[in-house]
């Protein structure tokens, strides 16, 4: 729907890496949620940087089959909701600093 934020760890025809019994998080989970969303409250900015980080890790790990190519869809109706959330979280962070 138009009020949706949808992210996937890879394109439909690609493989997402980092899954395994010894992995706490996938490459996508680590880059997006454990690293980038700690730096910004913007899902779009976090996703954009996470893509860069993921591709670098995949190259360094010698993953075959090309870049996993994480995907994002931000419906137009969710944009103001995300912006309000980002503003509130930024304000809370600034108060706590």
Protein backbone atom coordinates (compact mmCIF):
# COMPACT_ATOMS: atom_id res chain seq x y z
CA UNK A 1 0.00 0.00 0.00
CA UNK A 2 0.97 3.64 -0.15
CA UNK A 3 1.57 3.77 3.63
CA UNK A 4 4.26 1.09 3.65
CA UNK A 5 7.99 0.90 4.19
CA UNK A 6 9.30 -2.36 2.77
CA UNK A 7 12.92 -3.50 2.86
CA UNK A 8 14.45 -6.74 1.69
CA UNK A 9 17.96 -8.02 2.30
CA UNK A 10 18.40 -8.86 -1.36
CA UNK A 11 16.84 -8.54 -4.79
CA UNK A 12 14.43 -11.32 -5.74
CA UNK A 13 17.03 -13.02 -7.93
CA UNK A 14 19.94 -12.65 -5.47
CA UNK A 15 21.07 -14.28 -2.23
CA UNK A 16 21.33 -12.52 1.12
CA UNK A 17 24.48 -13.40 3.05
CA UNK A 18 25.44 -13.77 6.66
CA UNK A 19 22.88 -16.36 7.72
CA UNK A 20 24.22 -19.22 9.73
CA UNK A 21 24.24 -20.87 13.12
CA UNK A 22 27.25 -18.78 14.17
CA UNK A 23 25.80 -15.47 12.95
CA UNK A 24 23.89 -13.22 15.30
CA UNK A 25 22.77 -11.07 12.36
CA UNK A 26 22.86 -11.27 8.58
CA UNK A 27 25.00 -8.78 6.63
CA UNK A 28 21.82 -6.77 6.05
CA UNK A 29 20.62 -6.95 9.66
CA UNK A 30 23.98 -5.92 11.03
CA UNK A 31 24.51 -3.04 8.59
CA UNK A 32 20.95 -1.70 8.76
CA UNK A 33 19.74 -2.24 12.30
CA UNK A 34 22.85 -2.73 14.43
CA UNK A 35 25.00 -0.08 12.77
CA UNK A 36 23.28 2.51 10.61
CA UNK A 37 20.08 3.06 12.59
CA UNK A 38 22.30 3.77 15.60
CA UNK A 39 23.77 6.70 13.63
CA UNK A 40 20.62 8.13 12.06
CA UNK A 41 16.90 7.91 12.61
CA UNK A 42 16.25 8.14 8.87
CA UNK A 43 15.37 4.74 7.41
CA UNK A 44 16.31 5.98 3.92
CA UNK A 45 19.72 7.34 4.96
CA UNK A 46 20.43 4.21 7.02
CA UNK A 47 19.44 1.96 4.11
CA UNK A 48 21.54 3.88 1.59
CA UNK A 49 24.66 3.58 3.77
CA UNK A 50 23.89 -0.03 4.69
CA UNK A 51 23.86 -0.96 0.97
CA UNK A 52 27.39 0.42 0.64
CA UNK A 53 28.55 -1.45 3.75
CA UNK A 54 26.93 -4.71 2.64
CA UNK A 55 28.49 -4.62 -0.82
CA UNK A 56 31.93 -3.98 0.72
CA UNK A 57 31.51 -6.94 3.12
CA UNK A 58 30.35 -9.22 0.33
CA UNK A 59 33.36 -8.31 -1.82
CA UNK A 60 35.74 -8.76 1.12
CA UNK A 61 34.20 -12.16 1.91
CA UNK A 62 34.53 -13.27 -1.72
CA UNK A 63 30.83 -13.96 -2.16
CA UNK A 64 30.01 -15.25 -5.62
CA UNK A 65 26.95 -14.40 -7.65
CA UNK A 66 27.25 -10.64 -7.41
CA UNK A 67 25.98 -8.06 -4.99
CA UNK A 68 22.89 -9.11 -3.01
CA UNK A 69 21.31 -5.76 -3.96
CA UNK A 70 19.05 -4.95 -0.95
CA UNK A 71 15.79 -3.27 -1.93
CA UNK A 72 13.63 -0.57 -0.35
CA UNK A 73 10.18 0.80 -1.11
CA UNK A 74 8.90 3.87 0.71
CA UNK A 75 5.26 4.56 -0.07
CA UNK A 76 4.37 8.24 -0.34
CA UNK A 77 1.84 8.10 2.49
CA UNK A 78 4.41 6.78 4.99
CA UNK A 79 6.92 9.58 4.29
CA UNK A 80 5.37 12.12 6.71
CA UNK A 81 5.02 9.44 9.39
CA UNK A 82 8.70 8.51 9.06
CA UNK A 83 9.71 12.18 9.10
CA UNK A 84 7.73 12.77 12.30
CA UNK A 85 9.32 9.70 13.91
CA UNK A 86 12.79 10.84 12.86
CA UNK A 87 12.16 14.32 14.34
CA UNK A 88 10.85 12.91 17.63
CA UNK A 89 13.79 10.49 17.98
CA UNK A 90 16.31 13.21 17.13
CA UNK A 91 14.73 15.47 19.77
CA UNK A 92 14.86 12.72 22.37
CA UNK A 93 18.52 12.01 21.55
CA UNK A 94 19.36 15.70 21.87
CA UNK A 95 17.60 15.93 25.26
CA UNK A 96 19.51 12.89 26.53
CA UNK A 97 22.90 14.21 25.37
